[in-house]
Each structure stands twice: as structure tokens, then as C-alpha cells.
Amino acid sequence: MKNIDLAKKIKELRTRKGFSQDELAETAQINLRTVQRIEGGETEPRGDTLKRLANALTVTPDELIDWAEQEDKGVLILLNLSALSFIAFPILGIIVPLALWFLKKDKIKNLSEMGKRLLNFQISWCMLIFLCYGLTVAGLIFGIKVVSFSILGYSDLEIFIFMIPVLYIANGIFVIINTYRSYKGKTVFYKPAIRFLR
């Protein structure tokens, strides 16, 4: 956990309660200099000091710690890899990352933005894959010709059938590349995607 994140939260809660640093120190029964060092990000409250501050701010110690965003590459990597669940069923590529994102978005640094990018990409990809499935089924069962084009002598139906594995492979490549980028601390690149989550 970054001291600065916890420091901001303590200062924010103190201000919300209308306490000065001196009043917080008095209520928590700790030294004023300790409060100043904690809010300055010089030290992190632990044990008894953390309990006293939490009581003075009327929150639990766990809530106080959880409010501070943590840096956790493992969760960022897991979020990206969770999108590979699309292999079992396309919708799982949305549901699994969405659940992980929803549980951790306010607790892990950069997870909120990364999750939005990943989910926008996966939703867009699912719409495209289901469109290809639908056009393929419509062509097979009803003989419907949705669009009129052919490339290198292939029929529309053959092109849609060919597109399905190509889209699966492309999604897998995007997920793997962005997992590596998040491991290296770089911004993920999930495009093209419709921005459903902003």
C-alpha cells in the first residue's frame, strides 16, 4: 500500500468530520506529530495507532486500509487473463472480468480504467462474434444472403464461417499482449471497441 493513498484518505475523513490535526490527535489519543507524519505520507499507521485513528474517524481499521488503493500487478494480470474465459463461451469473456473488476475497481491502482477498456473491448467483440454466428446460421438454415460480396471466389457464408476462428484468435492475441503490457506497467491497448463504460 502506498503511504500517500492512505494519507489522503485519513486527511479526507478528518476534514469530513471537521477535525483539525490537533483535534484528531486528541480524539485518537496519539501524538500530533504522528498525525502530521501520517498525513504527510512519511509513515503508515499500524497496530494500535491504526485502531485509534479508525475509532476517532468512526470507521473500522479494515475499511481505512481498504480505502487506500493498492498497487497489485497480480490482480491487473489476472483481470486481463480472466478475459480468456471467452474460449469456453463468449459471454464468459465479459462476465468473469466484470465480476473481478466490480470487486476490486476501487482498491487496486489503475484497475478501474483498465477494466473499462477490457470490458468495452470484450462487449464489442461479443457483439461481432454473435453477428457472425447469426449470419452463418441464417445462411445455413434459411439460405439468406445478408450481404453480396465474395473474396477470391469464396461465398459470403464461407467468409463468415472463416471469420469466427479469426475473431477468436484475434481476441486471444489482444488478451495475451495486454496481459504482458500490464505486467510491464504499461497502458493496455484494447481497440477497436465501442465505449459502453466510460
Protein backbone atom coordinates (compact mmCIF):
# COMPACT_ATOMS: atom_id res chain seq x y z
CA MET A 1 0.00 0.00 0.00
CA LYS A 2 1.23 3.46 -0.81
CA ASN A 3 1.54 5.73 2.23
CA ILE A 4 0.31 8.66 0.15
CA ASP A 5 -3.02 6.94 -0.67
CA LEU A 6 -3.74 6.15 2.97
CA ALA A 7 -2.58 9.64 3.97
CA LYS A 8 -5.08 11.21 1.56
CA LYS A 9 -7.91 9.06 2.92
CA ILE A 10 -7.13 9.90 6.54
CA LYS A 11 -6.95 13.61 5.72
CA GLU A 12 -10.20 13.38 3.73
CA LEU A 13 -12.02 11.61 6.59
CA ARG A 14 -10.59 14.06 9.16
CA THR A 15 -11.78 17.03 7.07
CA ARG A 16 -15.19 15.44 6.58
CA LYS A 17 -15.57 15.13 10.36
CA GLY A 18 -14.49 18.75 10.78
CA PHE A 19 -11.40 17.88 12.84
CA SER A 20 -8.15 19.78 12.81
CA GLN A 21 -4.99 17.65 13.04
CA ASP A 22 -4.76 18.61 16.72
CA GLU A 23 -8.39 17.55 17.38
CA LEU A 24 -7.83 14.23 15.60
CA ALA A 25 -4.69 13.60 17.65
CA GLU A 26 -6.59 14.40 20.85
CA THR A 27 -9.61 12.24 19.96
CA ALA A 28 -7.41 9.33 18.85
CA GLN A 29 -5.13 9.87 21.89
CA ILE A 30 -1.99 9.93 19.78
CA ASN A 31 0.77 12.48 19.30
CA LEU A 32 0.08 15.46 16.98
CA ARG A 33 3.44 14.87 15.25
CA THR A 34 2.30 11.29 14.47
CA VAL A 35 -0.85 12.59 12.76
CA GLN A 36 1.24 15.09 10.78
CA ARG A 37 3.68 12.38 9.66
CA ILE A 38 0.84 10.03 8.67
CA GLU A 39 -0.98 12.71 6.64
CA GLY A 40 2.33 13.73 5.09
CA GLY A 41 2.85 10.17 3.86
CA GLU A 42 6.06 9.85 5.88
CA THR A 43 4.78 6.88 7.88
CA GLU A 44 1.95 4.39 7.77
CA PRO A 45 -0.22 3.77 10.85
CA ARG A 46 -0.07 0.23 12.17
CA GLY A 47 -1.48 -1.73 15.11
CA ASP A 48 -2.75 0.40 17.97
CA THR A 49 -2.28 3.70 16.09
CA LEU A 50 -4.40 2.43 13.20
CA LYS A 51 -7.15 1.29 15.59
CA ARG A 52 -7.14 4.63 17.43
CA LEU A 53 -7.36 6.61 14.19
CA ALA A 54 -10.13 4.38 12.85
CA ASN A 55 -12.14 4.79 16.08
CA ALA A 56 -11.68 8.57 16.03
CA LEU A 57 -12.81 8.70 12.39
CA THR A 58 -15.68 6.25 13.11
CA VAL A 59 -14.58 3.60 10.61
CA THR A 60 -13.07 0.15 11.07
CA PRO A 61 -9.33 -0.36 10.58
CA ASP A 62 -10.08 -2.67 7.63
CA GLU A 63 -12.22 0.00 5.96
CA LEU A 64 -9.45 2.54 6.46
CA ILE A 65 -6.87 0.25 4.86
CA ASP A 66 -9.19 -0.89 2.05
CA TRP A 67 -9.89 2.70 1.05
CA ALA A 68 -6.29 3.21 0.10
CA GLU A 69 -5.66 1.99 -3.43
CA GLN A 70 -3.00 -0.66 -3.58
CA GLU A 71 -0.60 -1.41 -6.38
CA ASP A 72 -1.04 -5.03 -7.32
CA LYS A 73 0.24 -6.19 -10.69
CA GLY A 74 -1.03 -9.68 -9.93
CA VAL A 75 -4.66 -8.51 -9.94
CA LEU A 76 -4.10 -6.47 -13.12
CA ILE A 77 -2.64 -9.53 -14.83
CA LEU A 78 -5.47 -11.73 -13.51
CA LEU A 79 -8.06 -9.26 -14.82
CA ASN A 80 -6.59 -9.44 -18.32
CA LEU A 81 -6.21 -13.23 -18.24
CA SER A 82 -9.78 -13.65 -16.98
CA ALA A 83 -10.95 -12.47 -20.40
CA LEU A 84 -9.62 -15.74 -21.86
CA SER A 85 -12.71 -17.37 -20.38
CA PHE A 86 -14.33 -16.41 -23.71
CA ILE A 87 -12.81 -19.66 -25.03
CA ALA A 88 -15.36 -21.67 -23.02
CA PHE A 89 -18.25 -19.38 -24.01
CA PRO A 90 -18.08 -15.83 -25.46
CA ILE A 91 -20.23 -14.20 -22.74
CA LEU A 92 -17.85 -15.51 -20.04
CA GLY A 93 -15.22 -13.17 -21.54
CA ILE A 94 -17.41 -10.36 -20.18
CA ILE A 95 -18.86 -11.90 -17.00
CA VAL A 96 -15.61 -13.10 -15.40
CA PRO A 97 -13.64 -9.83 -15.90
CA LEU A 98 -16.73 -7.82 -14.91
CA ALA A 99 -17.01 -9.67 -11.58
CA LEU A 100 -13.31 -9.19 -10.82
CA TRP A 101 -13.43 -5.53 -11.91
CA PHE A 102 -16.53 -4.85 -9.82
CA LEU A 103 -15.00 -6.36 -6.67
CA LYS A 104 -11.61 -4.64 -6.91
CA LYS A 105 -12.02 -1.48 -9.03
CA ASP A 106 -11.74 0.95 -6.10
CA LYS A 107 -9.00 -0.94 -4.29
CA ILE A 108 -6.31 -1.56 -6.90
CA LYS A 109 -4.48 1.25 -8.66
CA ASN A 110 -5.21 1.50 -12.42
CA LEU A 111 -7.74 -1.36 -12.27
CA SER A 112 -10.80 0.82 -12.85
CA GLU A 113 -9.56 2.28 -16.14
CA MET A 114 -8.01 -0.98 -17.33
CA GLY A 115 -11.22 -2.86 -16.55
CA LYS A 116 -13.32 -0.40 -18.54
CA ARG A 117 -11.06 -0.76 -21.57
CA LEU A 118 -11.07 -4.55 -21.35
CA LEU A 119 -14.83 -4.78 -20.84
CA ASN A 120 -15.59 -2.36 -23.69
CA PHE A 121 -13.40 -4.48 -25.96
CA GLN A 122 -14.96 -7.76 -24.83
CA ILE A 123 -18.53 -6.45 -25.22
CA SER A 124 -17.72 -5.15 -28.72
CA TRP A 125 -16.03 -8.45 -29.60
CA CYS A 126 -19.03 -10.48 -28.34
CA MET A 127 -21.41 -8.42 -30.44
CA LEU A 128 -19.26 -9.04 -33.50
CA ILE A 129 -18.86 -12.79 -32.86
CA PHE A 130 -22.61 -13.23 -32.31
CA LEU A 131 -23.28 -11.30 -35.50
CA CYS A 132 -21.00 -13.73 -37.38
CA TYR A 133 -22.72 -16.71 -35.73
CA GLY A 134 -26.14 -15.28 -36.61
CA LEU A 135 -25.22 -14.63 -40.23
CA THR A 136 -23.70 -18.09 -40.54
CA VAL A 137 -26.80 -19.77 -39.09
CA ALA A 138 -29.09 -17.63 -41.25
CA GLY A 139 -27.06 -18.62 -44.32
CA LEU A 140 -27.02 -22.33 -43.45
CA ILE A 141 -30.63 -22.77 -42.38
CA PHE A 142 -32.52 -20.25 -44.44
CA GLY A 143 -30.13 -19.70 -47.33
CA ILE A 144 -30.33 -15.96 -46.60
CA LYS A 145 -27.73 -13.85 -48.31
CA VAL A 146 -27.22 -10.89 -45.98
CA VAL A 147 -24.54 -9.11 -47.97
CA SER A 148 -23.47 -9.58 -51.51
CA PHE A 149 -19.73 -9.89 -51.85
CA SER A 150 -17.14 -12.53 -52.46
CA ILE A 151 -13.41 -12.51 -51.98
CA LEU A 152 -11.14 -14.72 -54.07
CA GLY A 153 -14.07 -16.88 -55.10
CA TYR A 154 -15.33 -17.62 -51.54
CA SER A 155 -19.04 -17.28 -50.86
CA ASP A 156 -20.46 -14.98 -48.17
CA LEU A 157 -21.22 -17.99 -45.97
CA GLU A 158 -17.68 -19.34 -46.23
CA ILE A 159 -16.29 -15.93 -45.32
CA PHE A 160 -18.49 -15.69 -42.19
CA ILE A 161 -17.51 -19.23 -41.17
CA PHE A 162 -13.84 -18.32 -41.65
CA MET A 163 -14.26 -15.09 -39.63
CA ILE A 164 -15.34 -16.88 -36.43
CA PRO A 165 -11.97 -18.60 -35.67
CA VAL A 166 -10.12 -15.47 -36.83
CA LEU A 167 -12.05 -13.38 -34.28
CA TYR A 168 -11.32 -15.91 -31.51
CA ILE A 169 -7.60 -15.88 -32.34
CA ALA A 170 -7.52 -12.06 -32.51
CA ASN A 171 -9.22 -11.78 -29.10
CA GLY A 172 -6.76 -14.24 -27.56
CA ILE A 173 -3.80 -12.31 -29.03
CA PHE A 174 -5.14 -9.00 -27.67
CA VAL A 175 -5.61 -10.51 -24.21
CA ILE A 176 -2.12 -12.03 -24.11
CA ILE A 177 -0.42 -8.86 -25.41
CA ASN A 178 -2.26 -6.67 -22.90
CA THR A 179 -1.54 -9.09 -20.06
CA TYR A 180 2.14 -8.66 -20.85
CA ARG A 181 1.73 -4.86 -21.10
CA SER A 182 0.06 -4.73 -17.66
CA TYR A 183 2.87 -6.91 -16.25
CA LYS A 184 5.37 -4.34 -17.57
CA GLY A 185 3.33 -1.47 -16.09
CA LYS A 186 2.28 -0.09 -19.49
CA THR A 187 -1.16 1.12 -20.54
CA VAL A 188 -3.35 -1.56 -22.08
CA PHE A 189 -4.50 -1.18 -25.67
CA TYR A 190 -7.91 -2.72 -26.33
CA LYS A 191 -9.11 -1.31 -29.65
CA PRO A 192 -11.29 -1.17 -31.66
CA ALA A 193 -14.04 -1.03 -29.07
CA ILE A 194 -17.32 0.78 -28.51
CA ARG A 195 -17.19 2.78 -25.26
CA PHE A 196 -20.06 1.29 -23.27
CA LEU A 197 -18.31 2.03 -19.95
CA ARG A 198 -16.85 5.50 -19.59
